[in-house]
N, C-alpha and C. Protein backbone atom coordinates (compact mmCIF):
# COMPACT_ATOMS: atom_id res chain seq x y z
N MET A 1 0.86 -1.15 0.00
CA MET A 1 0.00 0.00 0.00
C MET A 1 0.91 1.23 0.00
N ILE A 2 0.72 2.12 -0.96
CA ILE A 2 1.52 3.34 -1.05
C ILE A 2 0.95 4.38 -0.09
N VAL A 3 1.80 4.97 0.73
CA VAL A 3 1.34 5.92 1.73
C VAL A 3 2.02 7.29 1.63
N GLY A 4 2.83 7.51 0.62
CA GLY A 4 3.52 8.79 0.48
C GLY A 4 2.53 9.93 0.30
N SER A 5 2.86 11.07 0.88
CA SER A 5 2.00 12.25 0.75
C SER A 5 2.10 12.83 -0.66
N GLU A 6 1.17 13.71 -0.98
CA GLU A 6 1.22 14.39 -2.28
C GLU A 6 2.55 15.13 -2.42
N HIS A 7 3.01 15.75 -1.32
CA HIS A 7 4.29 16.46 -1.32
C HIS A 7 5.44 15.51 -1.66
N HIS A 8 5.47 14.36 -1.01
CA HIS A 8 6.54 13.39 -1.25
C HIS A 8 6.49 12.87 -2.68
N CYS A 9 5.31 12.64 -3.20
CA CYS A 9 5.17 12.09 -4.55
C CYS A 9 5.65 13.06 -5.63
N ARG A 10 5.78 14.33 -5.31
CA ARG A 10 6.28 15.32 -6.27
C ARG A 10 7.81 15.40 -6.27
N PHE A 11 8.49 14.74 -5.35
CA PHE A 11 9.95 14.77 -5.33
C PHE A 11 10.47 14.18 -6.64
N PRO A 12 11.57 14.70 -7.15
CA PRO A 12 12.11 14.17 -8.41
C PRO A 12 12.98 12.93 -8.19
N ILE A 13 12.47 12.01 -7.39
CA ILE A 13 13.18 10.75 -7.12
C ILE A 13 12.21 9.60 -7.36
N ALA A 14 12.74 8.47 -7.71
CA ALA A 14 11.90 7.31 -8.02
C ALA A 14 11.75 6.41 -6.80
N ILE A 15 11.20 6.99 -5.72
CA ILE A 15 11.01 6.27 -4.46
C ILE A 15 9.56 6.42 -4.03
N ALA A 16 8.97 5.33 -3.54
CA ALA A 16 7.61 5.36 -2.99
C ALA A 16 7.67 4.88 -1.54
N LEU A 17 6.87 5.50 -0.68
CA LEU A 17 6.74 5.05 0.71
C LEU A 17 5.56 4.09 0.76
N VAL A 18 5.79 2.91 1.33
CA VAL A 18 4.76 1.88 1.35
C VAL A 18 4.61 1.27 2.74
N VAL A 19 3.43 0.74 3.00
CA VAL A 19 3.16 -0.06 4.19
C VAL A 19 2.85 -1.47 3.68
N PRO A 20 3.65 -2.46 4.08
CA PRO A 20 3.37 -3.83 3.64
C PRO A 20 2.02 -4.32 4.16
N VAL A 21 1.44 -5.24 3.42
CA VAL A 21 0.15 -5.84 3.77
C VAL A 21 0.36 -7.34 3.94
N THR A 22 -0.27 -7.91 4.94
CA THR A 22 -0.17 -9.35 5.21
C THR A 22 -1.57 -9.95 5.23
N THR A 23 -1.65 -11.25 4.97
CA THR A 23 -2.94 -11.95 5.08
C THR A 23 -3.04 -12.71 6.40
N ARG A 24 -2.03 -12.58 7.25
CA ARG A 24 -2.05 -13.26 8.55
C ARG A 24 -2.51 -12.29 9.64
N ASP A 25 -3.56 -12.66 10.33
CA ASP A 25 -4.04 -11.85 11.46
C ASP A 25 -3.25 -12.22 12.69
N ARG A 26 -2.38 -11.33 13.11
CA ARG A 26 -1.55 -11.56 14.30
C ARG A 26 -2.19 -11.00 15.57
N GLY A 27 -3.37 -10.40 15.41
CA GLY A 27 -4.08 -9.87 16.57
C GLY A 27 -3.44 -8.61 17.15
N LEU A 28 -2.62 -7.92 16.38
CA LEU A 28 -1.95 -6.72 16.85
C LEU A 28 -2.82 -5.51 16.56
N PRO A 29 -2.99 -4.61 17.53
CA PRO A 29 -3.90 -3.48 17.33
C PRO A 29 -3.45 -2.53 16.22
N HIS A 30 -2.14 -2.46 15.95
CA HIS A 30 -1.63 -1.55 14.93
C HIS A 30 -1.62 -2.16 13.53
N HIS A 31 -2.07 -3.41 13.40
CA HIS A 31 -2.27 -4.01 12.09
C HIS A 31 -3.71 -3.70 11.68
N VAL A 32 -3.86 -2.80 10.72
CA VAL A 32 -5.18 -2.29 10.33
C VAL A 32 -5.85 -3.27 9.37
N PRO A 33 -7.06 -3.75 9.71
CA PRO A 33 -7.75 -4.68 8.81
C PRO A 33 -8.16 -3.99 7.50
N ILE A 34 -7.94 -4.69 6.40
CA ILE A 34 -8.33 -4.23 5.07
C ILE A 34 -9.32 -5.25 4.52
N ARG A 35 -10.58 -4.88 4.52
CA ARG A 35 -11.62 -5.83 4.08
C ARG A 35 -12.56 -5.24 3.04
N SER A 36 -12.36 -3.99 2.68
CA SER A 36 -13.29 -3.33 1.77
C SER A 36 -13.18 -3.89 0.35
N PRO A 37 -14.29 -3.98 -0.35
CA PRO A 37 -14.26 -4.50 -1.73
C PRO A 37 -13.40 -3.63 -2.66
N GLU A 38 -13.37 -2.32 -2.41
CA GLU A 38 -12.60 -1.43 -3.28
C GLU A 38 -11.09 -1.60 -3.14
N SER A 39 -10.64 -2.37 -2.13
CA SER A 39 -9.21 -2.60 -1.95
C SER A 39 -8.62 -3.43 -3.08
N GLY A 40 -9.46 -4.23 -3.74
CA GLY A 40 -8.98 -5.10 -4.80
C GLY A 40 -8.35 -6.38 -4.30
N LEU A 41 -8.32 -6.56 -2.98
CA LEU A 41 -7.73 -7.78 -2.39
C LEU A 41 -8.79 -8.88 -2.35
N ASN A 42 -8.36 -10.11 -2.60
CA ASN A 42 -9.32 -11.20 -2.68
C ASN A 42 -9.51 -11.96 -1.37
N ARG A 43 -8.87 -11.49 -0.30
CA ARG A 43 -9.08 -12.08 1.03
C ARG A 43 -8.74 -11.04 2.09
N PRO A 44 -9.23 -11.25 3.31
CA PRO A 44 -8.93 -10.29 4.38
C PRO A 44 -7.43 -10.10 4.55
N SER A 45 -7.03 -8.87 4.73
CA SER A 45 -5.61 -8.53 4.86
C SER A 45 -5.45 -7.47 5.94
N TRP A 46 -4.21 -7.24 6.36
CA TRP A 46 -3.91 -6.27 7.40
C TRP A 46 -2.70 -5.43 6.98
N ALA A 47 -2.81 -4.12 7.15
CA ALA A 47 -1.70 -3.20 6.88
C ALA A 47 -0.77 -3.19 8.09
N ARG A 48 0.51 -3.45 7.87
CA ARG A 48 1.50 -3.53 8.94
C ARG A 48 2.11 -2.15 9.16
N THR A 49 1.43 -1.31 9.93
CA THR A 49 1.81 0.09 10.07
C THR A 49 3.15 0.31 10.78
N GLU A 50 3.70 -0.70 11.39
CA GLU A 50 4.99 -0.57 12.06
C GLU A 50 6.15 -0.75 11.08
N ASP A 51 5.86 -1.07 9.82
CA ASP A 51 6.89 -1.50 8.88
C ASP A 51 6.93 -0.63 7.61
N ILE A 52 6.86 0.70 7.76
CA ILE A 52 6.91 1.61 6.62
C ILE A 52 8.26 1.45 5.93
N ARG A 53 8.22 1.39 4.59
CA ARG A 53 9.44 1.21 3.81
C ARG A 53 9.49 2.18 2.64
N ALA A 54 10.69 2.48 2.20
CA ALA A 54 10.90 3.24 0.96
C ALA A 54 11.37 2.23 -0.08
N ILE A 55 10.67 2.20 -1.22
CA ILE A 55 11.04 1.26 -2.28
C ILE A 55 11.18 2.03 -3.60
N SER A 56 11.91 1.44 -4.52
CA SER A 56 12.04 2.00 -5.86
C SER A 56 10.70 1.88 -6.58
N THR A 57 10.31 2.93 -7.30
CA THR A 57 9.07 2.85 -8.07
C THR A 57 9.19 1.84 -9.21
N ALA A 58 10.39 1.41 -9.54
CA ALA A 58 10.57 0.37 -10.55
C ALA A 58 9.94 -0.95 -10.11
N ARG A 59 9.75 -1.12 -8.79
CA ARG A 59 9.11 -2.33 -8.27
C ARG A 59 7.59 -2.30 -8.43
N LEU A 60 7.03 -1.15 -8.76
CA LEU A 60 5.59 -1.02 -8.96
C LEU A 60 5.29 -1.31 -10.43
N THR A 61 5.03 -2.56 -10.73
CA THR A 61 4.97 -3.00 -12.13
C THR A 61 3.57 -2.97 -12.74
N ARG A 62 2.52 -2.81 -11.95
CA ARG A 62 1.17 -2.75 -12.50
C ARG A 62 0.95 -1.42 -13.23
N ALA A 63 0.15 -1.47 -14.28
CA ALA A 63 -0.17 -0.24 -15.02
C ALA A 63 -1.08 0.67 -14.20
N ALA A 64 -1.87 0.08 -13.30
CA ALA A 64 -2.80 0.85 -12.46
C ALA A 64 -2.83 0.21 -11.08
N PRO A 65 -3.23 0.96 -10.07
CA PRO A 65 -3.33 0.37 -8.72
C PRO A 65 -4.31 -0.80 -8.69
N LEU A 66 -4.03 -1.75 -7.81
CA LEU A 66 -4.92 -2.89 -7.62
C LEU A 66 -6.26 -2.44 -7.08
N GLY A 67 -6.24 -1.45 -6.21
CA GLY A 67 -7.46 -0.92 -5.61
C GLY A 67 -7.10 0.24 -4.71
N ARG A 68 -8.05 0.61 -3.86
CA ARG A 68 -7.78 1.68 -2.89
C ARG A 68 -8.50 1.36 -1.59
N LEU A 69 -8.01 1.93 -0.52
CA LEU A 69 -8.61 1.71 0.79
C LEU A 69 -9.93 2.47 0.90
N ALA A 70 -10.83 1.91 1.68
CA ALA A 70 -12.01 2.67 2.08
C ALA A 70 -11.53 3.83 2.94
N ASP A 71 -12.28 4.90 2.97
CA ASP A 71 -11.88 6.08 3.76
C ASP A 71 -11.60 5.72 5.21
N SER A 72 -12.42 4.85 5.80
CA SER A 72 -12.22 4.48 7.21
C SER A 72 -10.93 3.69 7.40
N GLU A 73 -10.57 2.85 6.44
CA GLU A 73 -9.32 2.09 6.52
C GLU A 73 -8.13 3.04 6.38
N ALA A 74 -8.21 3.96 5.42
CA ALA A 74 -7.12 4.92 5.23
C ALA A 74 -6.92 5.77 6.47
N GLU A 75 -8.00 6.17 7.11
CA GLU A 75 -7.89 6.98 8.33
C GLU A 75 -7.21 6.20 9.44
N GLN A 76 -7.55 4.92 9.61
CA GLN A 76 -6.90 4.10 10.63
C GLN A 76 -5.42 3.93 10.34
N VAL A 77 -5.05 3.74 9.08
CA VAL A 77 -3.64 3.63 8.72
C VAL A 77 -2.93 4.94 9.08
N ARG A 78 -3.52 6.09 8.74
CA ARG A 78 -2.91 7.39 9.07
C ARG A 78 -2.72 7.54 10.58
N ILE A 79 -3.74 7.18 11.34
CA ILE A 79 -3.66 7.30 12.81
C ILE A 79 -2.51 6.45 13.34
N TRP A 80 -2.42 5.20 12.90
CA TRP A 80 -1.37 4.31 13.42
C TRP A 80 0.03 4.73 12.96
N ILE A 81 0.15 5.21 11.72
CA ILE A 81 1.47 5.68 11.26
C ILE A 81 1.89 6.87 12.13
N HIS A 82 0.98 7.76 12.41
CA HIS A 82 1.29 8.92 13.27
C HIS A 82 1.74 8.43 14.65
N ARG A 83 1.05 7.47 15.21
CA ARG A 83 1.44 6.92 16.52
C ARG A 83 2.82 6.27 16.46
N MET A 84 3.10 5.55 15.38
CA MET A 84 4.38 4.85 15.25
C MET A 84 5.54 5.84 15.13
N LEU A 85 5.29 6.96 14.44
CA LEU A 85 6.37 7.93 14.23
C LEU A 85 6.48 8.97 15.34
N GLY A 86 5.46 8.99 16.21
CA GLY A 86 5.50 9.87 17.36
C GLY A 86 5.26 11.28 16.99
């Protein structure tokens, strides 16, 4: 899941900030459930908000995003990222 801000996405570098997604429910409160149909995921998944990474945009090989988070899911991801970064 790409989480870079609009400001970050305008940088002239080929880097994207992402939060990995897992299909394993570890019961951790900071793993945000992703269950919305608009996500494009075919099974329940969880955003691992403790594991923000910077990756090369060359790794993003799809022509278009798989899907997008529901507003409520995106808000929970934002809240947890803020908590993780202090």
